[in-house]
């Protein structure tokens, strides 16, 4: 009975250890530098440089707190271009604790 319990314990440990992949880590390979942060109606609004282009972003959720200035990793999750002049984009930021937050592009700055 003791050997069966030990074998079962090792099986459970191996299953959980193989399932502990950090979601999105490899996917979030876009460099983002947040240079300004504001609150508007509880939503975070950011001015950020993403791969050399300047953007204005807004959180999709009511956060009620300012995001710290600095560098983050992100990925482009929505990139719709219905014609040559309109676009809709959403970036997903991955924070150091592996939490994720989506930001919609609300402005482009030249």
PDB file of N, CA and C in Angstrom:
ATOM      1  N   UNK A   1       0.813  -1.192   0.000  1.00  0.00           N
ATOM      2  CA  UNK A   1       0.000   0.000   0.000  1.00  0.00           C
ATOM      3  C   UNK A   1       0.858   1.258   0.000  1.00  0.00           C
ATOM      4  N   UNK A   2       1.957   1.226   0.734  1.00  0.00           N
ATOM      5  CA  UNK A   2       2.836   2.373   0.831  1.00  0.00           C
ATOM      6  C   UNK A   2       3.470   2.707  -0.518  1.00  0.00           C
ATOM      7  N   UNK A   3       3.860   1.672  -1.284  1.00  0.00           N
ATOM      8  CA  UNK A   3       4.480   1.894  -2.592  1.00  0.00           C
ATOM      9  C   UNK A   3       3.472   2.478  -3.578  1.00  0.00           C
ATOM     10  N   UNK A   4       2.231   2.056  -3.480  1.00  0.00           N
ATOM     11  CA  UNK A   4       1.188   2.584  -4.357  1.00  0.00           C
ATOM     12  C   UNK A   4       0.951   4.060  -4.061  1.00  0.00           C
ATOM     13  N   UNK A   5       0.917   4.418  -2.788  1.00  0.00           N
ATOM     14  CA  UNK A   5       0.712   5.812  -2.402  1.00  0.00           C
ATOM     15  C   UNK A   5       1.862   6.691  -2.884  1.00  0.00           C
ATOM     16  N   UNK A   6       3.081   6.209  -2.776  1.00  0.00           N
ATOM     17  CA  UNK A   6       4.250   6.968  -3.231  1.00  0.00           C
ATOM     18  C   UNK A   6       4.214   7.119  -4.751  1.00  0.00           C
ATOM     19  N   UNK A   7       3.880   6.054  -5.470  1.00  0.00           N
ATOM     20  CA  UNK A   7       3.796   6.116  -6.931  1.00  0.00           C
ATOM     21  C   UNK A   7       2.712   7.097  -7.360  1.00  0.00           C
ATOM     22  N   UNK A   8       1.586   7.073  -6.669  1.00  0.00           N
ATOM     23  CA  UNK A   8       0.497   7.995  -6.975  1.00  0.00           C
ATOM     24  C   UNK A   8       0.907   9.438  -6.703  1.00  0.00           C
ATOM     25  N   UNK A   9       1.632   9.661  -5.619  1.00  0.00           N
ATOM     26  CA  UNK A   9       2.120  10.991  -5.289  1.00  0.00           C
ATOM     27  C   UNK A   9       3.053  11.509  -6.372  1.00  0.00           C
ATOM     28  N   UNK A  10       3.983  10.674  -6.841  1.00  0.00           N
ATOM     29  CA  UNK A  10       4.894  11.080  -7.915  1.00  0.00           C
ATOM     30  C   UNK A  10       4.140  11.373  -9.205  1.00  0.00           C
ATOM     31  N   UNK A  11       3.118  10.603  -9.495  1.00  0.00           N
ATOM     32  CA  UNK A  11       2.310  10.831 -10.686  1.00  0.00           C
ATOM     33  C   UNK A  11       1.601  12.178 -10.610  1.00  0.00           C
ATOM     34  N   UNK A  12       1.022  12.486  -9.471  1.00  0.00           N
ATOM     35  CA  UNK A  12       0.328  13.762  -9.287  1.00  0.00           C
ATOM     36  C   UNK A  12       1.305  14.929  -9.395  1.00  0.00           C
ATOM     37  N   UNK A  13       2.460  14.811  -8.791  1.00  0.00           N
ATOM     38  CA  UNK A  13       3.468  15.874  -8.860  1.00  0.00           C
ATOM     39  C   UNK A  13       3.920  16.100 -10.294  1.00  0.00           C
ATOM     40  N   UNK A  14       4.138  15.026 -11.047  1.00  0.00           N
ATOM     41  CA  UNK A  14       4.587  15.193 -12.429  1.00  0.00           C
ATOM     42  C   UNK A  14       3.515  15.827 -13.306  1.00  0.00           C
ATOM     43  N   UNK A  15       2.250  15.514 -13.052  1.00  0.00           N
ATOM     44  CA  UNK A  15       1.162  16.116 -13.817  1.00  0.00           C
ATOM     45  C   UNK A  15       1.094  17.617 -13.545  1.00  0.00           C
ATOM     46  N   UNK A  16       1.146  18.012 -12.263  1.00  0.00           N
ATOM     47  CA  UNK A  16       1.054  19.425 -11.940  1.00  0.00           C
ATOM     48  C   UNK A  16       2.291  20.200 -12.369  1.00  0.00           C
ATOM     49  N   UNK A  17       3.464  19.615 -12.295  1.00  0.00           N
ATOM     50  CA  UNK A  17       4.660  20.341 -12.695  1.00  0.00           C
ATOM     51  C   UNK A  17       4.703  20.552 -14.198  1.00  0.00           C
ATOM     52  N   UNK A  18       4.178  19.629 -14.984  1.00  0.00           N
ATOM     53  CA  UNK A  18       4.165  19.822 -16.429  1.00  0.00           C
ATOM     54  C   UNK A  18       3.086  20.815 -16.832  1.00  0.00           C
ATOM     55  N   UNK A  19       2.076  21.015 -16.031  1.00  0.00           N
ATOM     56  CA  UNK A  19       0.995  21.941 -16.352  1.00  0.00           C
ATOM     57  C   UNK A  19       1.281  23.365 -15.899  1.00  0.00           C
ATOM     58  N   UNK A  20       2.403  23.614 -15.254  1.00  0.00           N
ATOM     59  CA  UNK A  20       2.705  24.925 -14.709  1.00  0.00           C
ATOM     60  C   UNK A  20       3.421  25.830 -15.700  1.00  0.00           C
ATOM     61  N   UNK A  21       3.018  25.839 -16.936  1.00  0.00           N
ATOM     62  CA  UNK A  21       3.604  26.772 -17.886  1.00  0.00           C
ATOM     63  C   UNK A  21       3.001  28.137 -17.653  1.00  0.00           C
ATOM     64  N   UNK A  22       3.810  29.149 -17.769  1.00  0.00           N
ATOM     65  CA  UNK A  22       3.335  30.507 -17.558  1.00  0.00           C
ATOM     66  C   UNK A  22       2.653  30.980 -18.838  1.00  0.00           C
ATOM     67  N   UNK A  23       1.358  31.305 -18.774  1.00  0.00           N
ATOM     68  CA  UNK A  23       0.637  31.661 -19.984  1.00  0.00           C
ATOM     69  C   UNK A  23       1.136  32.956 -20.586  1.00  0.00           C
ATOM     70  N   UNK A  24       1.327  32.935 -21.887  1.00  0.00           N
ATOM     71  CA  UNK A  24       1.619  34.158 -22.607  1.00  0.00           C
ATOM     72  C   UNK A  24       3.032  34.666 -22.561  1.00  0.00           C
ATOM     73  N   UNK A  25       3.921  34.093 -21.760  1.00  0.00           N
ATOM     74  CA  UNK A  25       5.248  34.657 -21.594  1.00  0.00           C
ATOM     75  C   UNK A  25       5.980  34.787 -22.919  1.00  0.00           C
ATOM     76  N   UNK A  26       5.968  33.764 -23.729  1.00  0.00           N
ATOM     77  CA  UNK A  26       6.663  33.814 -25.020  1.00  0.00           C
ATOM     78  C   UNK A  26       5.927  34.704 -26.014  1.00  0.00           C
ATOM     79  N   UNK A  27       4.621  34.824 -25.874  1.00  0.00           N
ATOM     80  CA  UNK A  27       3.824  35.622 -26.806  1.00  0.00           C
ATOM     81  C   UNK A  27       3.980  37.117 -26.591  1.00  0.00           C
ATOM     82  N   UNK A  28       4.278  37.532 -25.411  1.00  0.00           N
ATOM     83  CA  UNK A  28       4.360  38.952 -25.074  1.00  0.00           C
ATOM     84  C   UNK A  28       5.782  39.449 -25.361  1.00  0.00           C
ATOM     85  N   UNK A  29       6.061  39.670 -26.651  1.00  0.00           N
ATOM     86  CA  UNK A  29       7.419  40.033 -27.052  1.00  0.00           C
ATOM     87  C   UNK A  29       7.506  41.441 -27.647  1.00  0.00           C
ATOM     88  N   UNK A  30       6.454  42.248 -27.473  1.00  0.00           N
ATOM     89  CA  UNK A  30       6.456  43.635 -27.935  1.00  0.00           C
ATOM     90  C   UNK A  30       6.912  44.518 -26.780  1.00  0.00           C
ATOM     91  N   UNK A  31       7.908  45.373 -27.041  1.00  0.00           N
ATOM     92  CA  UNK A  31       8.419  46.269 -26.004  1.00  0.00           C
ATOM     93  C   UNK A  31       7.561  47.523 -25.913  1.00  0.00           C
ATOM     94  N   UNK A  32       7.158  47.857 -24.677  1.00  0.00           N
ATOM     95  CA  UNK A  32       6.321  49.029 -24.428  1.00  0.00           C
ATOM     96  C   UNK A  32       6.996  49.884 -23.362  1.00  0.00           C
ATOM     97  N   UNK A  33       7.074  51.180 -23.633  1.00  0.00           N
ATOM     98  CA  UNK A  33       7.543  52.111 -22.605  1.00  0.00           C
ATOM     99  C   UNK A  33       6.410  53.080 -22.294  1.00  0.00           C
ATOM    100  N   UNK A  34       5.910  53.036 -21.056  1.00  0.00           N
ATOM    101  CA  UNK A  34       4.849  53.930 -20.612  1.00  0.00           C
ATOM    102  C   UNK A  34       5.495  55.195 -20.066  1.00  0.00           C
ATOM    103  N   UNK A  35       5.218  56.328 -20.739  1.00  0.00           N
ATOM    104  CA  UNK A  35       5.823  57.600 -20.360  1.00  0.00           C
ATOM    105  C   UNK A  35       4.883  58.526 -19.620  1.00  0.00           C
ATOM    106  N   UNK A  36       3.571  58.252 -19.682  1.00  0.00           N
ATOM    107  CA  UNK A  36       2.580  59.064 -18.967  1.00  0.00           C
ATOM    108  C   UNK A  36       1.380  58.194 -18.668  1.00  0.00           C
ATOM    109  N   UNK A  37       0.728  58.466 -17.542  1.00  0.00           N
ATOM    110  CA  UNK A  37      -0.454  57.705 -17.146  1.00  0.00           C
ATOM    111  C   UNK A  37      -1.466  58.647 -16.495  1.00  0.00           C
ATOM    112  N   UNK A  38      -2.736  58.433 -16.807  1.00  0.00           N
ATOM    113  CA  UNK A  38      -3.816  59.276 -16.312  1.00  0.00           C
ATOM    114  C   UNK A  38      -4.996  58.393 -15.929  1.00  0.00           C
ATOM    115  N   UNK A  39      -5.936  58.977 -15.192  1.00  0.00           N
ATOM    116  CA  UNK A  39      -7.212  58.322 -14.915  1.00  0.00           C
ATOM    117  C   UNK A  39      -8.330  59.141 -15.530  1.00  0.00           C
ATOM    118  N   UNK A  40      -9.262  58.457 -16.179  1.00  0.00           N
ATOM    119  CA  UNK A  40     -10.461  59.103 -16.702  1.00  0.00           C
ATOM    120  C   UNK A  40     -11.632  58.165 -16.479  1.00  0.00           C
ATOM    121  N   UNK A  41     -12.572  58.564 -15.632  1.00  0.00           N
ATOM    122  CA  UNK A  41     -13.720  57.720 -15.268  1.00  0.00           C
ATOM    123  C   UNK A  41     -13.283  56.344 -14.770  1.00  0.00           C
ATOM    124  N   UNK A  42     -12.165  56.298 -14.054  1.00  0.00           N
ATOM    125  CA  UNK A  42     -11.674  55.047 -13.478  1.00  0.00           C
ATOM    126  C   UNK A  42     -10.846  54.195 -14.419  1.00  0.00           C
ATOM    127  N   UNK A  43     -10.776  54.583 -15.685  1.00  0.00           N
ATOM    128  CA  UNK A  43      -9.978  53.831 -16.657  1.00  0.00           C
ATOM    129  C   UNK A  43      -8.561  54.401 -16.711  1.00  0.00           C
ATOM    130  N   UNK A  44      -7.596  53.515 -16.820  1.00  0.00           N
ATOM    131  CA  UNK A  44      -6.219  53.948 -17.000  1.00  0.00           C
ATOM    132  C   UNK A  44      -6.035  54.405 -18.442  1.00  0.00           C
ATOM    133  N   UNK A  45      -5.444  55.578 -18.607  1.00  0.00           N
ATOM    134  CA  UNK A  45      -5.073  56.062 -19.923  1.00  0.00           C
ATOM    135  C   UNK A  45      -3.571  56.256 -19.944  1.00  0.00           C
ATOM    136  N   UNK A  46      -2.951  55.801 -21.004  1.00  0.00           N
ATOM    137  CA  UNK A  46      -1.502  55.806 -21.089  1.00  0.00           C
ATOM    138  C   UNK A  46      -1.024  56.520 -22.341  1.00  0.00           C
ATOM    139  N   UNK A  47       0.146  57.122 -22.238  1.00  0.00           N
ATOM    140  CA  UNK A  47       0.908  57.531 -23.408  1.00  0.00           C
ATOM    141  C   UNK A  47       2.118  56.620 -23.407  1.00  0.00           C
ATOM    142  N   UNK A  48       2.266  55.879 -24.498  1.00  0.00           N
ATOM    143  CA  UNK A  48       3.301  54.850 -24.528  1.00  0.00           C
ATOM    144  C   UNK A  48       3.994  54.825 -25.883  1.00  0.00           C
ATOM    145  N   UNK A  49       5.216  54.362 -25.856  1.00  0.00           N
ATOM    146  CA  UNK A  49       5.967  54.111 -27.083  1.00  0.00           C
ATOM    147  C   UNK A  49       6.043  52.605 -27.258  1.00  0.00           C
ATOM    148  N   UNK A  50       5.540  52.141 -28.398  1.00  0.00           N
ATOM    149  CA  UNK A  50       5.513  50.708 -28.692  1.00  0.00           C
ATOM    150  C   UNK A  50       6.266  50.496 -29.998  1.00  0.00           C
ATOM    151  N   UNK A  51       7.372  49.793 -29.904  1.00  0.00           N
ATOM    152  CA  UNK A  51       8.226  49.550 -31.066  1.00  0.00           C
ATOM    153  C   UNK A  51       8.507  50.832 -31.847  1.00  0.00           C
ATOM    154  N   UNK A  52       8.800  51.917 -31.112  1.00  0.00           N
ATOM    155  CA  UNK A  52       9.205  53.169 -31.730  1.00  0.00           C
ATOM    156  C   UNK A  52       8.067  54.100 -32.131  1.00  0.00           C
ATOM    157  N   UNK A  53       6.816  53.666 -32.041  1.00  0.00           N
ATOM    158  CA  UNK A  53       5.665  54.516 -32.381  1.00  0.00           C
ATOM    159  C   UNK A  53       4.975  54.982 -31.101  1.00  0.00           C
ATOM    160  N   UNK A  54       4.436  56.205 -31.133  1.00  0.00           N
ATOM    161  CA  UNK A  54       3.766  56.764 -29.959  1.00  0.00           C
ATOM    162  C   UNK A  54       2.267  56.503 -30.040  1.00  0.00           C
ATOM    163  N   UNK A  55       1.725  55.991 -28.929  1.00  0.00           N
ATOM    164  CA  UNK A  55       0.317  55.624 -28.843  1.00  0.00           C
ATOM    165  C   UNK A  55      -0.320  56.251 -27.615  1.00  0.00           C
ATOM    166  N   UNK A  56      -1.638  56.386 -27.683  1.00  0.00           N
ATOM    167  CA  UNK A  56      -2.458  56.647 -26.501  1.00  0.00           C
ATOM    168  C   UNK A  56      -3.319  55.405 -26.323  1.00  0.00           C
ATOM    169  N   UNK A  57      -3.355  54.901 -25.100  1.00  0.00           N
ATOM    170  CA  UNK A  57      -4.058  53.660 -24.792  1.00  0.00           C
ATOM    171  C   UNK A  57      -5.018  53.868 -23.637  1.00  0.00           C
ATOM    172  N   UNK A  58      -6.062  53.051 -23.596  1.00  0.00           N
ATOM    173  CA  UNK A  58      -7.002  53.097 -22.481  1.00  0.00           C
ATOM    174  C   UNK A  58      -7.330  51.677 -22.056  1.00  0.00           C
ATOM    175  N   UNK A  59      -7.354  51.464 -20.739  1.00  0.00           N
ATOM    176  CA  UNK A  59      -7.698  50.138 -20.221  1.00  0.00           C
ATOM    177  C   UNK A  59      -9.149  49.827 -20.547  1.00  0.00           C
ATOM    178  N   UNK A  60      -9.433  48.548 -20.737  1.00  0.00           N
ATOM    179  CA  UNK A  60     -10.790  48.133 -21.037  1.00  0.00           C
ATOM    180  C   UNK A  60     -11.604  47.919 -19.768  1.00  0.00           C
ATOM    181  N   UNK A  61     -10.946  47.878 -18.628  1.00  0.00           N
ATOM    182  CA  UNK A  61     -11.618  47.676 -17.344  1.00  0.00           C
ATOM    183  C   UNK A  61     -11.436  48.903 -16.465  1.00  0.00           C
ATOM    184  N   UNK A  62     -12.376  49.119 -15.575  1.00  0.00           N
ATOM    185  CA  UNK A  62     -12.233  50.194 -14.588  1.00  0.00           C
ATOM    186  C   UNK A  62     -11.235  49.716 -13.549  1.00  0.00           C
ATOM    187  N   UNK A  63     -10.115  50.401 -13.465  1.00  0.00           N
ATOM    188  CA  UNK A  63      -9.033  50.005 -12.552  1.00  0.00           C
ATOM    189  C   UNK A  63      -8.998  50.940 -11.341  1.00  0.00           C
ATOM    190  N   UNK A  64      -9.124  52.249 -11.580  1.00  0.00           N
ATOM    191  CA  UNK A  64      -9.120  53.220 -10.498  1.00  0.00           C
ATOM    192  C   UNK A  64      -7.753  53.503  -9.907  1.00  0.00           C
ATOM    193  N   UNK A  65      -6.705  53.039 -10.574  1.00  0.00           N
ATOM    194  CA  UNK A  65      -5.332  53.272 -10.103  1.00  0.00           C
ATOM    195  C   UNK A  65      -4.454  53.632 -11.294  1.00  0.00           C
ATOM    196  N   UNK A  66      -3.376  54.334 -11.022  1.00  0.00           N
ATOM    197  CA  UNK A  66      -2.424  54.674 -12.070  1.00  0.00           C
ATOM    198  C   UNK A  66      -1.442  53.528 -12.279  1.00  0.00           C
ATOM    199  N   UNK A  67      -1.084  53.287 -13.531  1.00  0.00           N
ATOM    200  CA  UNK A  67      -0.058  52.306 -13.847  1.00  0.00           C
ATOM    201  C   UNK A  67       1.301  52.965 -13.667  1.00  0.00           C
ATOM    202  N   UNK A  68       2.234  52.271 -13.074  1.00  0.00           N
ATOM    203  CA  UNK A  68       3.582  52.805 -12.869  1.00  0.00           C
ATOM    204  C   UNK A  68       4.252  53.045 -14.220  1.00  0.00           C
ATOM    205  N   UNK A  69       4.999  54.131 -14.300  1.00  0.00           N
ATOM    206  CA  UNK A  69       5.757  54.423 -15.512  1.00  0.00           C
ATOM    207  C   UNK A  69       6.873  53.399 -15.653  1.00  0.00           C
ATOM    208  N   UNK A  70       7.228  53.090 -16.892  1.00  0.00           N
ATOM    209  CA  UNK A  70       8.325  52.156 -17.096  1.00  0.00           C
ATOM    210  C   UNK A  70       8.111  51.269 -18.301  1.00  0.00           C
ATOM    211  N   UNK A  71       8.888  50.196 -18.341  1.00  0.00           N
ATOM    212  CA  UNK A  71       8.900  49.283 -19.470  1.00  0.00           C
ATOM    213  C   UNK A  71       8.102  48.022 -19.174  1.00  0.00           C
ATOM    214  N   UNK A  72       7.347  47.576 -20.174  1.00  0.00           N
ATOM    215  CA  UNK A  72       6.503  46.392 -20.056  1.00  0.00           C
ATOM    216  C   UNK A  72       6.618  45.565 -21.331  1.00  0.00           C
ATOM    217  N   UNK A  73       6.124  44.354 -21.253  1.00  0.00           N
ATOM    218  CA  UNK A  73       6.008  43.467 -22.410  1.00  0.00           C
ATOM    219  C   UNK A  73       4.533  43.370 -22.775  1.00  0.00           C
ATOM    220  N   UNK A  74       4.253  43.262 -24.065  1.00  0.00           N
ATOM    221  CA  UNK A  74       2.864  43.190 -24.525  1.00  0.00           C
ATOM    222  C   UNK A  74       2.789  42.359 -25.791  1.00  0.00           C
ATOM    223  N   UNK A  75       1.553  42.105 -26.212  1.00  0.00           N
ATOM    224  CA  UNK A  75       1.320  41.505 -27.520  1.00  0.00           C
ATOM    225  C   UNK A  75       0.097  42.161 -28.127  1.00  0.00           C
ATOM    226  N   UNK A  76       0.080  42.220 -29.445  1.00  0.00           N
ATOM    227  CA  UNK A  76      -1.044  42.781 -30.176  1.00  0.00           C
ATOM    228  C   UNK A  76      -2.100  41.699 -30.306  1.00  0.00           C
ATOM    229  N   UNK A  77      -3.279  41.905 -29.702  1.00  0.00           N
ATOM    230  CA  UNK A  77      -4.309  40.868 -29.711  1.00  0.00           C
ATOM    231  C   UNK A  77      -5.435  41.166 -30.698  1.00  0.00           C
ATOM    232  N   UNK A  78      -5.634  42.431 -31.036  1.00  0.00           N
ATOM    233  CA  UNK A  78      -6.625  42.806 -32.043  1.00  0.00           C
ATOM    234  C   UNK A  78      -5.962  43.779 -32.996  1.00  0.00           C
ATOM    235  N   UNK A  79      -6.079  43.508 -34.277  1.00  0.00           N
ATOM    236  CA  UNK A  79      -5.485  44.373 -35.298  1.00  0.00           C
ATOM    237  C   UNK A  79      -6.385  44.357 -36.530  1.00  0.00           C
ATOM    238  N   UNK A  80      -7.454  45.166 -36.477  1.00  0.00           N
ATOM    239  CA  UNK A  80      -8.447  45.186 -37.550  1.00  0.00           C
ATOM    240  C   UNK A  80      -8.265  46.436 -38.403  1.00  0.00           C
ATOM    241  N   UNK A  81      -8.241  46.233 -39.704  1.00  0.00           N
ATOM    242  CA  UNK A  81      -8.150  47.322 -40.679  1.00  0.00           C
ATOM    243  C   UNK A  81      -9.201  47.054 -41.747  1.00  0.00           C
ATOM    244  N   UNK A  82     -10.372  47.671 -41.600  1.00  0.00           N
ATOM    245  CA  UNK A  82     -11.480  47.443 -42.536  1.00  0.00           C
ATOM    246  C   UNK A  82     -11.232  48.145 -43.876  1.00  0.00           C
ATOM    247  N   UNK A  83     -10.392  49.174 -43.850  1.00  0.00           N
ATOM    248  CA  UNK A  83     -10.050  49.901 -45.068  1.00  0.00           C
ATOM    249  C   UNK A  83      -8.662  50.497 -44.887  1.00  0.00           C
ATOM    250  N   UNK A  84      -8.245  51.354 -45.793  1.00  0.00           N
ATOM    251  CA  UNK A  84      -6.886  51.896 -45.758  1.00  0.00           C
ATOM    252  C   UNK A  84      -6.689  52.998 -44.725  1.00  0.00           C
ATOM    253  N   UNK A  85      -7.775  53.501 -44.128  1.00  0.00           N
ATOM    254  CA  UNK A  85      -7.640  54.660 -43.246  1.00  0.00           C
ATOM    255  C   UNK A  85      -8.178  54.461 -41.831  1.00  0.00           C
ATOM    256  N   UNK A  86      -8.872  53.378 -41.537  1.00  0.00           N
ATOM    257  CA  UNK A  86      -9.377  53.121 -40.189  1.00  0.00           C
ATOM    258  C   UNK A  86      -8.703  51.881 -39.602  1.00  0.00           C
ATOM    259  N   UNK A  87      -8.491  51.917 -38.299  1.00  0.00           N
ATOM    260  CA  UNK A  87      -7.930  50.734 -37.638  1.00  0.00           C
ATOM    261  C   UNK A  87      -8.496  50.619 -36.224  1.00  0.00           C
ATOM    262  N   UNK A  88      -8.474  49.411 -35.708  1.00  0.00           N
ATOM    263  CA  UNK A  88      -8.860  49.125 -34.329  1.00  0.00           C
ATOM    264  C   UNK A  88      -7.831  48.151 -33.784  1.00  0.00           C
ATOM    265  N   UNK A  89      -7.120  48.563 -32.732  1.00  0.00           N
ATOM    266  CA  UNK A  89      -6.074  47.720 -32.165  1.00  0.00           C
ATOM    267  C   UNK A  89      -6.214  47.624 -30.651  1.00  0.00           C
ATOM    268  N   UNK A  90      -5.853  46.451 -30.138  1.00  0.00           N
ATOM    269  CA  UNK A  90      -5.823  46.211 -28.705  1.00  0.00           C
ATOM    270  C   UNK A  90      -4.519  45.492 -28.363  1.00  0.00           C
ATOM    271  N   UNK A  91      -3.851  45.977 -27.325  1.00  0.00           N
ATOM    272  CA  UNK A  91      -2.636  45.337 -26.822  1.00  0.00           C
ATOM    273  C   UNK A  91      -2.929  44.711 -25.469  1.00  0.00           C
ATOM    274  N   UNK A  92      -2.306  43.592 -25.196  1.00  0.00           N
ATOM    275  CA  UNK A  92      -2.397  42.940 -23.894  1.00  0.00           C
ATOM    276  C   UNK A  92      -1.041  43.040 -23.225  1.00  0.00           C
ATOM    277  N   UNK A  93      -0.993  43.710 -22.085  1.00  0.00           N
ATOM    278  CA  UNK A  93       0.242  43.855 -21.317  1.00  0.00           C
ATOM    279  C   UNK A  93       0.396  42.659 -20.389  1.00  0.00           C
ATOM    280  N   UNK A  94       1.633  42.211 -20.242  1.00  0.00           N
ATOM    281  CA  UNK A  94       1.954  41.196 -19.245  1.00  0.00           C
ATOM    282  C   UNK A  94       2.850  41.845 -18.201  1.00  0.00           C
ATOM    283  N   UNK A  95       2.423  41.795 -16.948  1.00  0.00           N
ATOM    284  CA  UNK A  95       3.159  42.418 -15.866  1.00  0.00           C
ATOM    285  C   UNK A  95       4.140  41.421 -15.243  1.00  0.00           C
ATOM    286  N   UNK A  96       5.082  41.897 -14.445  1.00  0.00           N
ATOM    287  CA  UNK A  96       6.079  40.990 -13.858  1.00  0.00           C
ATOM    288  C   UNK A  96       5.493  39.830 -13.059  1.00  0.00           C
ATOM    289  N   UNK A  97       4.296  40.013 -12.477  1.00  0.00           N
ATOM    290  CA  UNK A  97       3.673  38.918 -11.729  1.00  0.00           C
ATOM    291  C   UNK A  97       2.824  38.014 -12.621  1.00  0.00           C
ATOM    292  N   UNK A  98       2.966  38.192 -13.960  1.00  0.00           N
ATOM    293  CA  UNK A  98       2.286  37.383 -14.986  1.00  0.00           C
ATOM    294  C   UNK A  98       0.798  37.697 -15.130  1.00  0.00           C
ATOM    295  N   UNK A  99       0.316  38.734 -14.468  1.00  0.00           N
ATOM    296  CA  UNK A  99      -1.062  39.165 -14.678  1.00  0.00           C
ATOM    297  C   UNK A  99      -1.142  39.895 -16.012  1.00  0.00           C
ATOM    298  N   UNK A 100      -2.332  39.840 -16.623  1.00  0.00           N
ATOM    299  CA  UNK A 100      -2.543  40.423 -17.939  1.00  0.00           C
ATOM    300  C   UNK A 100      -3.591  41.526 -17.865  1.00  0.00           C
ATOM    301  N   UNK A 101      -3.439  42.543 -18.726  1.00  0.00           N
ATOM    302  CA  UNK A 101      -4.427  43.615 -18.807  1.00  0.00           C
ATOM    303  C   UNK A 101      -4.459  44.125 -20.247  1.00  0.00           C
ATOM    304  N   UNK A 102      -5.675  44.312 -20.771  1.00  0.00           N
ATOM    305  CA  UNK A 102      -5.827  44.779 -22.146  1.00  0.00           C
ATOM    306  C   UNK A 102      -6.006  46.285 -22.200  1.00  0.00           C
ATOM    307  N   UNK A 103      -5.401  46.876 -23.241  1.00  0.00           N
ATOM    308  CA  UNK A 103      -5.495  48.305 -23.495  1.00  0.00           C
ATOM    309  C   UNK A 103      -5.874  48.518 -24.954  1.00  0.00           C
ATOM    310  N   UNK A 104      -6.879  49.350 -25.182  1.00  0.00           N
ATOM    311  CA  UNK A 104      -7.318  49.692 -26.525  1.00  0.00           C
ATOM    312  C   UNK A 104      -6.546  50.929 -27.002  1.00  0.00           C
ATOM    313  N   UNK A 105      -6.151  50.935 -28.268  1.00  0.00           N
ATOM    314  CA  UNK A 105      -5.490  52.109 -28.834  1.00  0.00           C
ATOM    315  C   UNK A 105      -6.558  53.172 -29.066  1.00  0.00           C
ATOM    316  N   UNK A 106      -6.376  54.339 -28.433  1.00  0.00           N
ATOM    317  CA  UNK A 106      -7.322  55.452 -28.602  1.00  0.00           C
ATOM    318  C   UNK A 106      -6.702  56.622 -29.332  1.00  0.00           C
ATOM    319  N   UNK A 107      -5.413  56.538 -29.613  1.00  0.00           N
ATOM    320  CA  UNK A 107      -4.768  57.628 -30.343  1.00  0.00           C
ATOM    321  C   UNK A 107      -3.392  57.241 -30.833  1.00  0.00           C
ATOM    322  N   UNK A 108      -3.020  57.854 -31.941  1.00  0.00           N
ATOM    323  CA  UNK A 108      -1.672  57.720 -32.501  1.00  0.00           C
ATOM    324  C   UNK A 108      -1.066  59.094 -32.534  1.00  0.00           C
ATOM    325  N   UNK A 109       0.213  59.202 -32.205  1.00  0.00           N
ATOM    326  CA  UNK A 109       0.898  60.495 -32.168  1.00  0.00           C
ATOM    327  C   UNK A 109       2.113  60.390 -33.067  1.00  0.00           C
ATOM    328  N   UNK A 110       2.293  61.419 -33.882  1.00  0.00           N
ATOM    329  CA  UNK A 110       3.442  61.415 -34.784  1.00  0.00           C
ATOM    330  C   UNK A 110       4.620  62.122 -34.172  1.00  0.00           C
TER     331      UNK A 110
END
